[in-house]
């Protein structure tokens, strides 16, 4: 799977992570989408590095999706912890 595939997977993984972890995020939808893309790359890297699952599998590979969504969730949680989970703060 190429870089474009990982970006598309990241967009979808970010949306799924947002559905699984609802709430107001600083940065809005753009921040969530970028977090999903970076999380997909991070999840794929972790999967290839430590779980012995190469990232060049097909787009519809279940473990690839799970690692991408997991990476997006981890980054979304970290993003909320670092920057707060409300845009109302000043």
N, C-alpha and C. Protein backbone atom coordinates (compact mmCIF):
# COMPACT_ATOMS: atom_id res chain seq x y z
N UNK A 1 0.85 -1.17 0.00
CA UNK A 1 0.00 0.00 0.00
C UNK A 1 0.89 1.22 0.00
N UNK A 2 0.59 2.17 -0.84
CA UNK A 2 1.41 3.37 -0.97
C UNK A 2 1.02 4.46 0.00
N UNK A 3 1.71 5.58 -0.15
CA UNK A 3 1.49 6.72 0.74
C UNK A 3 0.05 7.25 0.61
N UNK A 4 -0.46 7.31 -0.60
CA UNK A 4 -1.83 7.78 -0.81
C UNK A 4 -2.82 6.87 -0.09
N UNK A 5 -2.59 5.57 -0.15
CA UNK A 5 -3.44 4.62 0.56
C UNK A 5 -3.42 4.86 2.06
N UNK A 6 -2.23 5.15 2.61
CA UNK A 6 -2.12 5.43 4.04
C UNK A 6 -2.80 6.73 4.41
N UNK A 7 -2.77 7.71 3.52
CA UNK A 7 -3.46 8.98 3.79
C UNK A 7 -4.97 8.76 3.81
N UNK A 8 -5.48 8.03 2.83
CA UNK A 8 -6.92 7.72 2.81
C UNK A 8 -7.30 6.90 4.03
N UNK A 9 -6.49 5.90 4.35
CA UNK A 9 -6.73 5.09 5.54
C UNK A 9 -6.70 5.96 6.80
N UNK A 10 -5.79 6.92 6.84
CA UNK A 10 -5.70 7.84 7.97
C UNK A 10 -6.92 8.72 8.10
N UNK A 11 -7.44 9.20 6.98
CA UNK A 11 -8.67 10.01 7.01
C UNK A 11 -9.83 9.21 7.60
N UNK A 12 -9.96 7.98 7.13
CA UNK A 12 -11.04 7.13 7.63
C UNK A 12 -10.80 6.73 9.08
N UNK A 13 -9.55 6.40 9.41
CA UNK A 13 -9.22 6.03 10.79
C UNK A 13 -9.45 7.19 11.74
N UNK A 14 -9.14 8.41 11.31
CA UNK A 14 -9.39 9.59 12.13
C UNK A 14 -10.87 9.79 12.38
N UNK A 15 -11.69 9.57 11.35
CA UNK A 15 -13.14 9.69 11.52
C UNK A 15 -13.67 8.62 12.47
N UNK A 16 -13.17 7.40 12.33
CA UNK A 16 -13.60 6.32 13.22
C UNK A 16 -13.16 6.60 14.66
N UNK A 17 -11.93 7.09 14.82
CA UNK A 17 -11.44 7.43 16.17
C UNK A 17 -12.29 8.53 16.77
N UNK A 18 -12.71 9.48 15.98
CA UNK A 18 -13.56 10.58 16.45
C UNK A 18 -14.93 10.05 16.88
N UNK A 19 -15.47 9.08 16.16
CA UNK A 19 -16.74 8.48 16.53
C UNK A 19 -16.59 7.68 17.83
N UNK A 20 -15.48 6.97 17.98
CA UNK A 20 -15.24 6.18 19.19
C UNK A 20 -14.92 7.04 20.40
N UNK A 21 -14.38 8.23 20.16
CA UNK A 21 -13.98 9.12 21.24
C UNK A 21 -14.56 10.52 20.98
N UNK A 22 -15.89 10.67 21.15
CA UNK A 22 -16.51 11.94 20.82
C UNK A 22 -16.12 13.03 21.81
N UNK A 23 -16.33 14.23 21.40
CA UNK A 23 -16.03 15.39 22.24
C UNK A 23 -15.49 16.51 21.39
N UNK A 24 -15.32 17.65 22.02
CA UNK A 24 -14.79 18.82 21.30
C UNK A 24 -13.28 18.79 21.38
N UNK A 25 -12.66 18.86 20.24
CA UNK A 25 -11.20 18.84 20.17
C UNK A 25 -10.68 20.22 19.81
N UNK A 26 -9.56 20.61 20.42
CA UNK A 26 -8.93 21.85 19.96
C UNK A 26 -8.40 21.62 18.55
N UNK A 27 -8.65 22.53 17.67
CA UNK A 27 -8.21 22.35 16.30
C UNK A 27 -9.34 21.93 15.38
N UNK A 28 -10.46 21.50 15.94
CA UNK A 28 -11.64 21.14 15.16
C UNK A 28 -11.42 19.95 14.25
N UNK A 29 -12.13 19.93 13.16
CA UNK A 29 -12.11 18.79 12.26
C UNK A 29 -10.76 18.65 11.55
N UNK A 30 -10.10 19.76 11.25
CA UNK A 30 -8.79 19.70 10.59
C UNK A 30 -7.78 19.03 11.50
N UNK A 31 -7.78 19.40 12.77
CA UNK A 31 -6.87 18.77 13.73
C UNK A 31 -7.14 17.28 13.88
N UNK A 32 -8.43 16.91 13.89
CA UNK A 32 -8.79 15.51 14.00
C UNK A 32 -8.36 14.72 12.77
N UNK A 33 -8.54 15.30 11.59
CA UNK A 33 -8.14 14.63 10.35
C UNK A 33 -6.62 14.44 10.31
N UNK A 34 -5.89 15.50 10.64
CA UNK A 34 -4.42 15.38 10.65
C UNK A 34 -3.95 14.38 11.70
N UNK A 35 -4.62 14.36 12.86
CA UNK A 35 -4.29 13.38 13.88
C UNK A 35 -4.55 11.97 13.37
N UNK A 36 -5.63 11.78 12.63
CA UNK A 36 -5.92 10.47 12.05
C UNK A 36 -4.88 10.03 11.05
N UNK A 37 -4.43 10.94 10.21
CA UNK A 37 -3.41 10.59 9.21
C UNK A 37 -2.10 10.23 9.89
N UNK A 38 -1.66 11.06 10.83
CA UNK A 38 -0.41 10.78 11.55
C UNK A 38 -0.57 9.50 12.37
N UNK A 39 -1.74 9.30 12.97
CA UNK A 39 -1.99 8.09 13.75
C UNK A 39 -1.95 6.83 12.90
N UNK A 40 -2.44 6.92 11.67
CA UNK A 40 -2.37 5.76 10.77
C UNK A 40 -0.93 5.42 10.43
N UNK A 41 -0.14 6.44 10.14
CA UNK A 41 1.28 6.19 9.87
C UNK A 41 1.97 5.62 11.10
N UNK A 42 1.67 6.18 12.27
CA UNK A 42 2.27 5.70 13.51
C UNK A 42 1.84 4.26 13.81
N UNK A 43 0.55 3.98 13.67
CA UNK A 43 0.05 2.62 13.89
C UNK A 43 0.66 1.63 12.91
N UNK A 44 0.81 2.01 11.66
CA UNK A 44 1.44 1.13 10.68
C UNK A 44 2.90 0.89 10.99
N UNK A 45 3.59 1.93 11.43
CA UNK A 45 5.01 1.78 11.78
C UNK A 45 5.17 0.86 12.99
N UNK A 46 4.33 1.06 14.02
CA UNK A 46 4.40 0.20 15.20
C UNK A 46 4.07 -1.24 14.84
N UNK A 47 3.07 -1.41 13.98
CA UNK A 47 2.68 -2.75 13.54
C UNK A 47 3.82 -3.44 12.81
N UNK A 48 4.51 -2.71 11.96
CA UNK A 48 5.62 -3.30 11.20
C UNK A 48 6.84 -3.54 12.08
N UNK A 49 7.09 -2.63 13.01
CA UNK A 49 8.30 -2.70 13.82
C UNK A 49 8.22 -3.76 14.91
N UNK A 50 7.11 -3.75 15.67
CA UNK A 50 7.05 -4.62 16.84
C UNK A 50 6.06 -5.77 16.74
N UNK A 51 5.10 -5.69 15.86
CA UNK A 51 4.11 -6.75 15.75
C UNK A 51 4.36 -7.67 14.57
N UNK A 52 5.45 -7.45 13.85
CA UNK A 52 5.85 -8.28 12.72
C UNK A 52 4.73 -8.42 11.68
N UNK A 53 4.09 -7.31 11.38
CA UNK A 53 3.05 -7.28 10.35
C UNK A 53 3.45 -6.21 9.33
N UNK A 54 3.97 -6.63 8.19
CA UNK A 54 4.46 -5.64 7.21
C UNK A 54 3.36 -4.70 6.73
N UNK A 55 3.75 -3.47 6.45
CA UNK A 55 2.78 -2.45 6.05
C UNK A 55 2.43 -2.47 4.57
N UNK A 56 3.05 -3.34 3.81
CA UNK A 56 2.76 -3.38 2.38
C UNK A 56 1.63 -4.35 2.06
N UNK A 57 0.80 -4.66 3.03
CA UNK A 57 -0.38 -5.50 2.80
C UNK A 57 -1.42 -4.70 2.04
N UNK A 58 -2.52 -5.35 1.69
CA UNK A 58 -3.56 -4.67 0.92
C UNK A 58 -4.32 -3.67 1.79
N UNK A 59 -5.07 -2.81 1.14
CA UNK A 59 -5.83 -1.76 1.81
C UNK A 59 -6.90 -2.34 2.73
N UNK A 60 -7.41 -3.50 2.42
CA UNK A 60 -8.52 -4.10 3.17
C UNK A 60 -8.05 -5.13 4.19
N UNK A 61 -6.81 -5.04 4.63
CA UNK A 61 -6.26 -5.95 5.62
C UNK A 61 -6.72 -5.53 7.02
N UNK A 62 -7.38 -6.43 7.75
CA UNK A 62 -7.95 -6.12 9.06
C UNK A 62 -6.94 -5.60 10.08
N UNK A 63 -5.81 -6.30 10.27
CA UNK A 63 -4.83 -5.79 11.24
C UNK A 63 -4.26 -4.42 10.89
N UNK A 64 -4.18 -4.10 9.61
CA UNK A 64 -3.72 -2.77 9.20
C UNK A 64 -4.73 -1.72 9.65
N UNK A 65 -6.00 -1.99 9.48
CA UNK A 65 -7.05 -1.06 9.90
C UNK A 65 -7.05 -0.89 11.42
N UNK A 66 -6.91 -2.00 12.14
CA UNK A 66 -6.90 -1.94 13.60
C UNK A 66 -5.71 -1.12 14.09
N UNK A 67 -4.54 -1.32 13.49
CA UNK A 67 -3.36 -0.56 13.92
C UNK A 67 -3.51 0.92 13.57
N UNK A 68 -4.11 1.24 12.43
CA UNK A 68 -4.31 2.64 12.05
C UNK A 68 -5.32 3.32 12.98
N UNK A 69 -6.41 2.66 13.28
CA UNK A 69 -7.41 3.23 14.18
C UNK A 69 -6.83 3.34 15.59
N UNK A 70 -6.09 2.33 16.02
CA UNK A 70 -5.45 2.40 17.34
C UNK A 70 -4.46 3.54 17.43
N UNK A 71 -3.66 3.73 16.41
CA UNK A 71 -2.71 4.84 16.39
C UNK A 71 -3.43 6.19 16.42
N UNK A 72 -4.54 6.30 15.69
CA UNK A 72 -5.31 7.54 15.68
C UNK A 72 -5.94 7.80 17.05
N UNK A 73 -6.43 6.75 17.70
CA UNK A 73 -7.00 6.91 19.05
C UNK A 73 -5.94 7.36 20.04
N UNK A 74 -4.78 6.74 19.99
CA UNK A 74 -3.70 7.11 20.91
C UNK A 74 -3.30 8.57 20.71
N UNK A 75 -3.14 8.98 19.46
CA UNK A 75 -2.78 10.37 19.20
C UNK A 75 -3.89 11.34 19.57
N UNK A 76 -5.14 10.97 19.36
CA UNK A 76 -6.24 11.83 19.72
C UNK A 76 -6.31 12.01 21.24
N UNK A 77 -6.09 10.94 21.99
CA UNK A 77 -6.06 11.04 23.45
C UNK A 77 -4.89 11.90 23.90
N UNK A 78 -3.72 11.68 23.32
CA UNK A 78 -2.55 12.48 23.68
C UNK A 78 -2.78 13.96 23.33
N UNK A 79 -3.38 14.21 22.19
CA UNK A 79 -3.67 15.58 21.75
C UNK A 79 -4.60 16.28 22.75
N UNK A 80 -5.61 15.55 23.21
CA UNK A 80 -6.54 16.12 24.18
C UNK A 80 -5.85 16.36 25.52
N UNK A 81 -4.99 15.44 25.93
CA UNK A 81 -4.29 15.61 27.20
C UNK A 81 -3.35 16.81 27.17
N UNK A 82 -2.68 17.00 26.05
CA UNK A 82 -1.70 18.08 25.95
C UNK A 82 -2.39 19.43 25.77
N UNK A 83 -3.35 19.50 24.86
CA UNK A 83 -3.97 20.78 24.51
C UNK A 83 -5.32 21.01 25.14
N UNK A 84 -5.84 20.07 25.89
CA UNK A 84 -7.15 20.22 26.51
C UNK A 84 -8.23 19.74 25.58
N UNK A 85 -9.41 19.44 26.14
CA UNK A 85 -10.48 18.92 25.30
C UNK A 85 -11.64 19.88 25.12
N UNK A 86 -11.38 21.15 25.33
CA UNK A 86 -12.44 22.13 25.14
C UNK A 86 -11.87 23.38 24.47
N UNK A 87 -12.60 23.92 23.53
CA UNK A 87 -12.15 25.14 22.87
C UNK A 87 -12.55 26.38 23.67
N UNK A 88 -13.28 26.19 24.77
CA UNK A 88 -13.74 27.32 25.56
C UNK A 88 -12.67 27.88 26.50
N UNK A 89 -11.60 27.15 26.72
CA UNK A 89 -10.54 27.60 27.64
C UNK A 89 -9.83 28.81 27.11
N UNK A 90 -9.38 29.65 28.03
CA UNK A 90 -8.61 30.84 27.62
C UNK A 90 -7.38 30.95 28.44
